């Protein structure tokens, strides 16, 4: 399944607003996409807020690359998720354990993990109004869409 397939369409609440750029990808990282990094740099976007599926695959890969590329990276714990996993040895791992473990791995090393309400409060504290839709949305052309929202936020790292 790919772009244009019903299972890969944007949900109503995150549909791009008119004129908003959309970058498609076919691999785990949003940065391995034609022009995404160049676009963010040209727009002088330095901070990214990442949400989507799945925490341990494309969200993690994108957050790691964003951090390595020097972006101030925020990951929303309650706007990301994953699925149960079966380990190489056949052991079953519940989705919540996989999700929380990945968040712990990413926090402070590659991204600042926050909850949605914390980011909304950060945006309000700098006097900005949240945009009516995402500022940059990326989806991949495989069944589960990933999204990346960019914004200018102050550093929340300690």
Protein backbone atom coordinates (compact mmCIF):
# COMPACT_ATOMS: atom_id res chain seq x y z
CA UNK A 1 0.00 0.00 0.00
CA UNK A 2 1.29 3.43 -0.81
CA UNK A 3 0.42 7.05 -1.41
CA UNK A 4 -3.20 7.36 -2.51
CA UNK A 5 -4.28 4.17 -0.78
CA UNK A 6 -7.10 4.58 1.80
CA UNK A 7 -4.94 3.22 4.65
CA UNK A 8 -2.25 5.81 3.93
CA UNK A 9 -4.38 8.94 3.71
CA UNK A 10 -3.99 11.81 6.17
CA UNK A 11 -6.41 11.78 9.08
CA UNK A 12 -8.71 14.79 9.06
CA UNK A 13 -7.07 16.41 12.12
CA UNK A 14 -3.59 16.42 10.51
CA UNK A 15 -4.42 17.10 6.87
CA UNK A 16 -1.99 19.62 5.39
CA UNK A 17 -3.30 23.14 5.13
CA UNK A 18 -3.41 24.80 1.70
CA UNK A 19 0.08 25.59 0.44
CA UNK A 20 1.79 23.47 3.08
CA UNK A 21 4.66 21.36 1.75
CA UNK A 22 4.33 17.59 1.96
CA UNK A 23 7.38 15.35 1.70
CA UNK A 24 6.84 11.67 0.95
CA UNK A 25 9.26 8.96 1.94
CA UNK A 26 9.68 5.24 1.48
CA UNK A 27 12.15 4.53 4.30
CA UNK A 28 12.15 4.96 8.09
CA UNK A 29 13.80 8.40 8.21
CA UNK A 30 11.93 11.52 7.18
CA UNK A 31 15.32 13.02 6.35
CA UNK A 32 15.93 10.57 3.53
CA UNK A 33 13.42 12.43 1.43
CA UNK A 34 13.91 14.72 -1.49
CA UNK A 35 14.68 18.10 -0.05
CA UNK A 36 13.36 17.91 3.52
CA UNK A 37 16.58 18.93 5.26
CA UNK A 38 17.25 21.65 2.66
CA UNK A 39 13.69 22.96 3.08
CA UNK A 40 13.96 23.12 6.88
CA UNK A 41 17.29 24.89 6.66
CA UNK A 42 16.09 27.33 3.97
CA UNK A 43 13.09 28.21 6.18
CA UNK A 44 15.48 28.59 9.16
CA UNK A 45 13.50 26.01 11.11
CA UNK A 46 15.68 24.89 13.99
CA UNK A 47 13.21 23.07 16.22
CA UNK A 48 11.10 20.05 15.35
CA UNK A 49 8.18 18.44 17.13
CA UNK A 50 7.83 14.82 16.05
CA UNK A 51 4.67 12.72 16.31
CA UNK A 52 3.43 9.57 14.57
CA UNK A 53 3.88 5.86 14.12
CA UNK A 54 5.83 3.88 15.05
CA UNK A 55 7.89 4.99 18.02
CA UNK A 56 10.59 2.36 17.56
CA UNK A 57 10.89 2.67 13.77
CA UNK A 58 10.32 5.83 11.75
CA UNK A 59 9.74 8.13 14.74
CA UNK A 60 12.96 6.96 16.36
CA UNK A 61 14.98 7.07 13.15
CA UNK A 62 13.75 10.57 12.33
CA UNK A 63 14.38 11.83 15.88
CA UNK A 64 17.89 10.38 15.91
CA UNK A 65 18.75 11.94 12.56
CA UNK A 66 17.19 15.27 13.52
CA UNK A 67 19.26 15.34 16.70
CA UNK A 68 22.42 14.36 14.85
CA UNK A 69 21.78 17.06 12.24
CA UNK A 70 21.61 19.68 14.98
CA UNK A 71 17.86 20.31 15.16
CA UNK A 72 16.32 20.99 18.57
CA UNK A 73 14.12 17.90 18.61
CA UNK A 74 10.99 17.32 20.65
CA UNK A 75 9.12 14.02 20.66
CA UNK A 76 5.55 13.85 21.94
CA UNK A 77 5.12 10.75 24.10
CA UNK A 78 1.33 10.80 23.90
CA UNK A 79 1.26 11.46 20.14
CA UNK A 80 3.44 8.50 19.20
CA UNK A 81 2.78 4.79 19.48
CA UNK A 82 3.93 1.37 18.38
CA UNK A 83 2.71 -2.22 18.23
CA UNK A 84 3.48 -5.44 20.08
CA UNK A 85 6.73 -7.03 18.92
CA UNK A 86 8.03 -10.58 18.76
CA UNK A 87 11.74 -10.79 19.59
CA UNK A 88 14.29 -12.85 17.71
CA UNK A 89 13.87 -15.54 20.35
CA UNK A 90 10.09 -15.61 20.06
CA UNK A 91 9.47 -13.58 23.22
CA UNK A 92 6.40 -11.32 23.05
CA UNK A 93 6.86 -7.65 24.00
CA UNK A 94 3.81 -5.50 24.68
CA UNK A 95 3.51 -2.29 22.69
CA UNK A 96 3.58 -0.06 25.78
CA UNK A 97 6.88 -1.59 26.95
CA UNK A 98 8.43 -1.11 23.49
CA UNK A 99 7.09 2.46 23.34
CA UNK A 100 8.33 3.46 26.81
CA UNK A 101 11.73 1.83 26.26
CA UNK A 102 12.22 3.70 23.00
CA UNK A 103 11.17 6.99 24.59
CA UNK A 104 13.71 6.39 27.37
CA UNK A 105 16.41 5.69 24.77
CA UNK A 106 15.66 8.87 22.83
CA UNK A 107 15.14 11.25 25.76
CA UNK A 108 18.01 13.69 26.21
CA UNK A 109 20.29 11.74 23.88
CA UNK A 110 18.51 12.70 20.67
CA UNK A 111 15.31 14.49 21.67
CA UNK A 112 13.44 16.02 24.54
CA UNK A 113 10.44 13.80 25.24
CA UNK A 114 7.38 15.77 26.31
CA UNK A 115 3.61 15.39 26.39
CA UNK A 116 1.40 17.33 23.99
CA UNK A 117 0.11 19.66 26.69
CA UNK A 118 3.70 20.59 27.63
CA UNK A 119 4.48 21.67 24.07
CA UNK A 120 1.25 23.66 23.85
CA UNK A 121 2.25 25.43 27.07
CA UNK A 122 5.76 26.12 25.68
CA UNK A 123 4.24 27.64 22.55
CA UNK A 124 1.91 29.81 24.64
CA UNK A 125 4.75 30.88 26.94
CA UNK A 126 6.65 32.42 24.04
CA UNK A 127 3.54 34.27 22.93
CA UNK A 128 2.98 32.23 19.79
CA UNK A 129 -0.37 30.95 18.64
CA UNK A 130 -0.44 27.33 17.51
CA UNK A 131 -0.98 27.12 13.77
CA UNK A 132 -4.36 25.85 12.54
CA UNK A 133 -2.57 22.78 11.16
CA UNK A 134 0.89 21.26 11.10
CA UNK A 135 3.69 23.40 9.71
CA UNK A 136 5.41 20.52 7.94
CA UNK A 137 3.95 17.08 7.49
CA UNK A 138 5.76 14.14 6.05
CA UNK A 139 4.29 10.77 5.33
CA UNK A 140 5.86 7.67 3.95
CA UNK A 141 4.55 5.64 1.07
CA UNK A 142 4.09 2.44 3.04
CA UNK A 143 1.00 1.47 5.07
CA UNK A 144 1.50 3.47 8.29
CA UNK A 145 1.90 7.22 7.90
CA UNK A 146 4.49 9.07 9.94
CA UNK A 147 4.20 12.76 10.59
CA UNK A 148 6.71 15.35 11.56
CA UNK A 149 5.58 18.78 12.67
CA UNK A 150 8.05 21.62 12.86
CA UNK A 151 7.85 24.63 15.09
CA UNK A 152 10.08 27.16 16.78
CA UNK A 153 10.28 26.26 20.44
CA UNK A 154 12.72 27.22 23.17
CA UNK A 155 15.03 24.54 24.46
CA UNK A 156 13.46 22.32 27.09
CA UNK A 157 16.63 20.35 27.74
CA UNK A 158 18.22 20.59 31.15
